[in-house]
C-alpha atoms as a PDB file:
ATOM      1  CA  MET A   1       0.217  -0.163  -0.048  1.00  0.00           C
ATOM      2  CA  GLU A   2       2.978   2.441   0.639  1.00  0.00           C
ATOM      3  CA  GLY A   3       3.999   1.952  -2.756  1.00  0.00           C
ATOM      4  CA  ARG A   4       0.563   3.222  -4.609  1.00  0.00           C
ATOM      5  CA  LEU A   5       0.638   6.406  -1.827  1.00  0.00           C
ATOM      6  CA  TYR A   6       4.416   7.298  -3.580  1.00  0.00           C
ATOM      7  CA  VAL A   7       3.025   6.697  -6.768  1.00  0.00           C
ATOM      8  CA  PHE A   8      -0.064   8.883  -6.041  1.00  0.00           C
ATOM      9  CA  THR A   9       1.982  11.552  -4.623  1.00  0.00           C
ATOM     10  CA  ALA A  10       4.325  11.626  -7.486  1.00  0.00           C
ATOM     11  CA  LEU A  11       0.783  11.865  -9.320  1.00  0.00           C
ATOM     12  CA  GLN A  12      -0.194  14.782  -7.646  1.00  0.00           C
ATOM     13  CA  ILE A  13       3.482  16.732  -7.964  1.00  0.00           C
ATOM     14  CA  VAL A  14       3.128  15.814 -11.884  1.00  0.00           C
ATOM     15  CA  ILE A  15      -0.362  17.386 -12.064  1.00  0.00           C
ATOM     16  CA  MET A  16       0.621  20.250 -10.107  1.00  0.00           C
ATOM     17  CA  VAL A  17       3.654  21.190 -12.127  1.00  0.00           C
ATOM     18  CA  ALA A  18       1.697  20.436 -15.166  1.00  0.00           C
ATOM     19  CA  LEU A  19      -1.155  22.892 -13.997  1.00  0.00           C
ATOM     20  CA  PHE A  20       1.493  25.819 -13.141  1.00  0.00           C
ATOM     21  CA  TRP A  21       3.062  25.388 -16.645  1.00  0.00           C
ATOM     22  CA  PHE A  22      -0.295  25.662 -18.226  1.00  0.00           C
ATOM     23  CA  LEU A  23      -0.877  28.914 -16.240  1.00  0.00           C
ATOM     24  CA  ILE A  24       2.311  30.025 -16.901  1.00  0.00           C
ATOM     25  CA  THR A  25       2.277  29.561 -20.973  1.00  0.00           C
ATOM     26  CA  TRP A  26      -1.360  29.720 -21.451  1.00  0.00           C
ATOM     27  CA  SER A  27      -2.016  32.593 -24.300  1.00  0.00           C
ATOM     28  CA  GLY A  28      -5.509  33.368 -23.212  1.00  0.00           C
ATOM     29  CA  PRO A  29      -6.592  37.091 -21.866  1.00  0.00           C
ATOM     30  CA  TRP A  30      -5.439  38.806 -18.760  1.00  0.00           C
ATOM     31  CA  ASN A  31      -8.578  39.607 -17.572  1.00  0.00           C
ATOM     32  CA  TRP A  32     -10.946  39.508 -13.831  1.00  0.00           C
ATOM     33  CA  GLY A  33     -11.403  35.744 -14.322  1.00  0.00           C
ATOM     34  CA  ARG A  34      -8.018  34.847 -15.198  1.00  0.00           C
ATOM     35  CA  TYR A  35      -6.508  37.223 -11.897  1.00  0.00           C
ATOM     36  CA  LEU A  36      -9.045  35.974  -9.923  1.00  0.00           C
ATOM     37  CA  GLY A  37      -8.423  32.265 -11.110  1.00  0.00           C
ATOM     38  CA  THR A  38      -4.639  32.227 -10.756  1.00  0.00           C
ATOM     39  CA  VAL A  39      -4.773  33.652  -7.300  1.00  0.00           C
ATOM     40  CA  SER A  40      -7.655  30.988  -6.587  1.00  0.00           C
ATOM     41  CA  VAL A  41      -5.623  28.205  -7.996  1.00  0.00           C
ATOM     42  CA  VAL A  42      -2.039  29.464  -6.098  1.00  0.00           C
ATOM     43  CA  VAL A  43      -3.922  29.600  -2.911  1.00  0.00           C
ATOM     44  CA  GLY A  44      -5.849  26.149  -3.504  1.00  0.00           C
ATOM     45  CA  ALA A  45      -2.266  24.150  -4.412  1.00  0.00           C
ATOM     46  CA  GLY A  46      -0.422  25.981  -1.796  1.00  0.00           C
ATOM     47  CA  PHE A  47      -2.934  24.816   1.000  1.00  0.00           C
ATOM     48  CA  ILE A  48      -3.413  21.440  -0.291  1.00  0.00           C
ATOM     49  CA  VAL A  49       0.727  21.208  -0.053  1.00  0.00           C
ATOM     50  CA  VAL A  50       0.325  22.507   3.551  1.00  0.00           C
ATOM     51  CA  ALA A  51      -2.429  19.840   4.488  1.00  0.00           C
ATOM     52  CA  ARG A  52      -0.804  16.787   3.525  1.00  0.00           C
ATOM     53  CA  PHE A  53       2.338  17.994   5.092  1.00  0.00           C
ATOM     54  CA  GLN A  54       0.532  18.540   8.103  1.00  0.00           C
ATOM     55  CA  LEU A  55      -1.175  15.286   7.612  1.00  0.00           C
ATOM     56  CA  GLY A  56       1.990  13.098   7.239  1.00  0.00           C
ATOM     57  CA  LYS A  57       1.865   9.477   7.917  1.00  0.00           C
ATOM     58  CA  SER A  58      -2.205   9.688   8.749  1.00  0.00           C
ATOM     59  CA  PHE A  59      -2.678  10.259   4.750  1.00  0.00           C
ATOM     60  CA  SER A  60      -4.352   7.205   2.989  1.00  0.00           C
ATOM     61  CA  LEU A  61      -5.998   6.470  -0.504  1.00  0.00           C
ATOM     62  CA  ALA A  62      -8.648   4.462   1.802  1.00  0.00           C
ATOM     63  CA  PRO A  63     -10.419   5.493   5.022  1.00  0.00           C
ATOM     64  CA  LYS A  64      -8.225   4.911   7.937  1.00  0.00           C
ATOM     65  CA  ALA A  65      -7.954   6.072  11.428  1.00  0.00           C
ATOM     66  CA  LYS A  66      -4.377   6.321  12.037  1.00  0.00           C
ATOM     67  CA  LYS A  67      -4.199   9.134  13.809  1.00  0.00           C
ATOM     68  CA  LEU A  68      -6.614  12.064  14.523  1.00  0.00           C
ATOM     69  CA  ILE A  69      -4.697  15.334  13.013  1.00  0.00           C
ATOM     70  CA  THR A  70      -6.001  18.240  14.837  1.00  0.00           C
ATOM     71  CA  ALA A  71      -3.810  21.006  14.682  1.00  0.00           C
ATOM     72  CA  GLY A  72      -2.860  23.188  11.722  1.00  0.00           C
ATOM     73  CA  VAL A  73      -4.913  24.214   8.915  1.00  0.00           C
ATOM     74  CA  TYR A  74      -7.190  20.916  10.374  1.00  0.00           C
ATOM     75  CA  SER A  75      -8.011  22.538  13.307  1.00  0.00           C
ATOM     76  CA  LYS A  76     -10.538  24.593  11.374  1.00  0.00           C
ATOM     77  CA  ILE A  77     -11.373  22.452   8.291  1.00  0.00           C
ATOM     78  CA  ARG A  78     -11.680  18.258   8.914  1.00  0.00           C
ATOM     79  CA  ASN A  79     -11.433  18.153   5.051  1.00  0.00           C
ATOM     80  CA  PRO A  80      -8.865  20.905   3.900  1.00  0.00           C
ATOM     81  CA  ILE A  81      -7.675  18.571   0.794  1.00  0.00           C
ATOM     82  CA  TYR A  82     -11.197  18.810  -0.931  1.00  0.00           C
ATOM     83  CA  VAL A  83     -11.749  22.054   0.177  1.00  0.00           C
ATOM     84  CA  PHE A  84      -8.429  23.686  -1.459  1.00  0.00           C
ATOM     85  CA  GLY A  85      -8.402  21.122  -4.311  1.00  0.00           C
ATOM     86  CA  SER A  86     -12.147  22.579  -5.240  1.00  0.00           C
ATOM     87  CA  LEU A  87     -10.644  26.416  -4.825  1.00  0.00           C
ATOM     88  CA  LEU A  88      -8.085  25.260  -7.487  1.00  0.00           C
ATOM     89  CA  PHE A  89     -10.557  23.716  -9.548  1.00  0.00           C
ATOM     90  CA  ALA A  90     -12.896  26.772  -9.626  1.00  0.00           C
ATOM     91  CA  GLY A  91      -9.949  28.747 -10.355  1.00  0.00           C
ATOM     92  CA  PHE A  92      -8.770  26.806 -13.238  1.00  0.00           C
ATOM     93  CA  ILE A  93     -12.361  27.041 -14.579  1.00  0.00           C
ATOM     94  CA  LEU A  94     -11.909  31.118 -14.148  1.00  0.00           C
ATOM     95  CA  ILE A  95      -8.805  30.998 -16.044  1.00  0.00           C
ATOM     96  CA  VAL A  96      -9.913  28.631 -19.026  1.00  0.00           C
ATOM     97  CA  GLN A  97     -13.658  30.373 -18.492  1.00  0.00           C
ATOM     98  CA  ARG A  98     -15.514  27.141 -20.165  1.00  0.00           C
ATOM     99  CA  PRO A  99     -18.821  27.933 -18.083  1.00  0.00           C
ATOM    100  CA  ILE A 100     -19.462  23.382 -18.832  1.00  0.00           C
ATOM    101  CA  LEU A 101     -16.769  22.618 -16.445  1.00  0.00           C
ATOM    102  CA  TRP A 102     -19.087  23.916 -13.581  1.00  0.00           C
ATOM    103  CA  ILE A 103     -20.949  20.928 -14.038  1.00  0.00           C
ATOM    104  CA  LEU A 104     -17.751  18.757 -13.269  1.00  0.00           C
ATOM    105  CA  LEU A 105     -16.792  21.329 -10.498  1.00  0.00           C
ATOM    106  CA  SER A 106     -20.405  20.178  -8.878  1.00  0.00           C
ATOM    107  CA  VAL A 107     -19.714  16.473  -9.362  1.00  0.00           C
ATOM    108  CA  LEU A 108     -16.594  16.475  -7.862  1.00  0.00           C
ATOM    109  CA  VAL A 109     -18.045  18.419  -4.921  1.00  0.00           C
ATOM    110  CA  ILE A 110     -20.453  15.559  -4.287  1.00  0.00           C
ATOM    111  CA  ALA A 111     -18.131  12.892  -4.672  1.00  0.00           C
ATOM    112  CA  GLN A 112     -16.044  14.734  -2.091  1.00  0.00           C
ATOM    113  CA  SER A 113     -18.299  15.257   0.405  1.00  0.00           C
ATOM    114  CA  ILE A 114     -20.026  11.213  -0.091  1.00  0.00           C
ATOM    115  CA  ARG A 115     -15.623  10.501   0.850  1.00  0.00           C
ATOM    116  CA  ALA A 116     -15.480  12.826   4.143  1.00  0.00           C
ATOM    117  CA  HIS A 117     -18.634  11.114   5.264  1.00  0.00           C
ATOM    118  CA  ARG A 118     -17.327   7.817   5.330  1.00  0.00           C
ATOM    119  CA  GLU A 119     -13.930   9.280   6.569  1.00  0.00           C
ATOM    120  CA  ALA A 120     -15.959  10.939   8.979  1.00  0.00           C
ATOM    121  CA  ARG A 121     -17.841   7.489   9.847  1.00  0.00           C
ATOM    122  CA  VAL A 122     -14.356   5.595  10.493  1.00  0.00           C
ATOM    123  CA  LEU A 123     -12.635   8.288  12.615  1.00  0.00           C
ATOM    124  CA  GLU A 124     -15.870   8.829  14.841  1.00  0.00           C
ATOM    125  CA  ASP A 125     -15.911   4.469  14.887  1.00  0.00           C
ATOM    126  CA  ALA A 126     -12.048   4.908  16.281  1.00  0.00           C
ATOM    127  CA  PHE A 127     -12.060   8.269  17.749  1.00  0.00           C
ATOM    128  CA  GLY A 128     -15.426   8.208  19.290  1.00  0.00           C
ATOM    129  CA  ASP A 129     -16.061  11.745  21.431  1.00  0.00           C
ATOM    130  CA  GLU A 130     -12.300  13.280  20.807  1.00  0.00           C
ATOM    131  CA  TYR A 131     -13.801  12.995  17.187  1.00  0.00           C
ATOM    132  CA  ARG A 132     -17.108  14.431  17.743  1.00  0.00           C
ATOM    133  CA  GLU A 133     -15.974  16.971  20.036  1.00  0.00           C
ATOM    134  CA  TYR A 134     -13.177  17.985  17.187  1.00  0.00           C
ATOM    135  CA  ARG A 135     -16.051  17.703  14.356  1.00  0.00           C
ATOM    136  CA  ARG A 136     -18.223  20.309  16.568  1.00  0.00           C
ATOM    137  CA  LYS A 137     -15.454  23.179  16.525  1.00  0.00           C
ATOM    138  CA  THR A 138     -14.622  22.791  12.445  1.00  0.00           C
ATOM    139  CA  TRP A 139     -15.951  23.275   9.360  1.00  0.00           C
ATOM    140  CA  PHE A 140     -16.500  20.643   6.817  1.00  0.00           C
END
């Protein structure tokens, strides 16, 4: 399983590099959508990196209850990778200005909400009242 995690992380890095290359080289107009989108992509990507770092060895592809992380960005948001991934994708949509992609973002948000709910059940089963208190104090 650890090998799959390294492959997944490497794939994420390649995708981020490709995305930033696209942002730098895209010849589209610099308008309000592109400026706002670029900021959203950079902020989203930055916080994804921070969240992955803070999650450390507790990150997994399948829901697991290794350790309850409640510090850093996780002290305010239970699923920051999902939140900032959505922000990143919304920024991309603003840059390329293809309204049809908002439908894809909606599907992504629904899928992430379902996954977050499954993860919450795993964490609640493992950590009980500690997780319920954490959930009460945090957003999504």
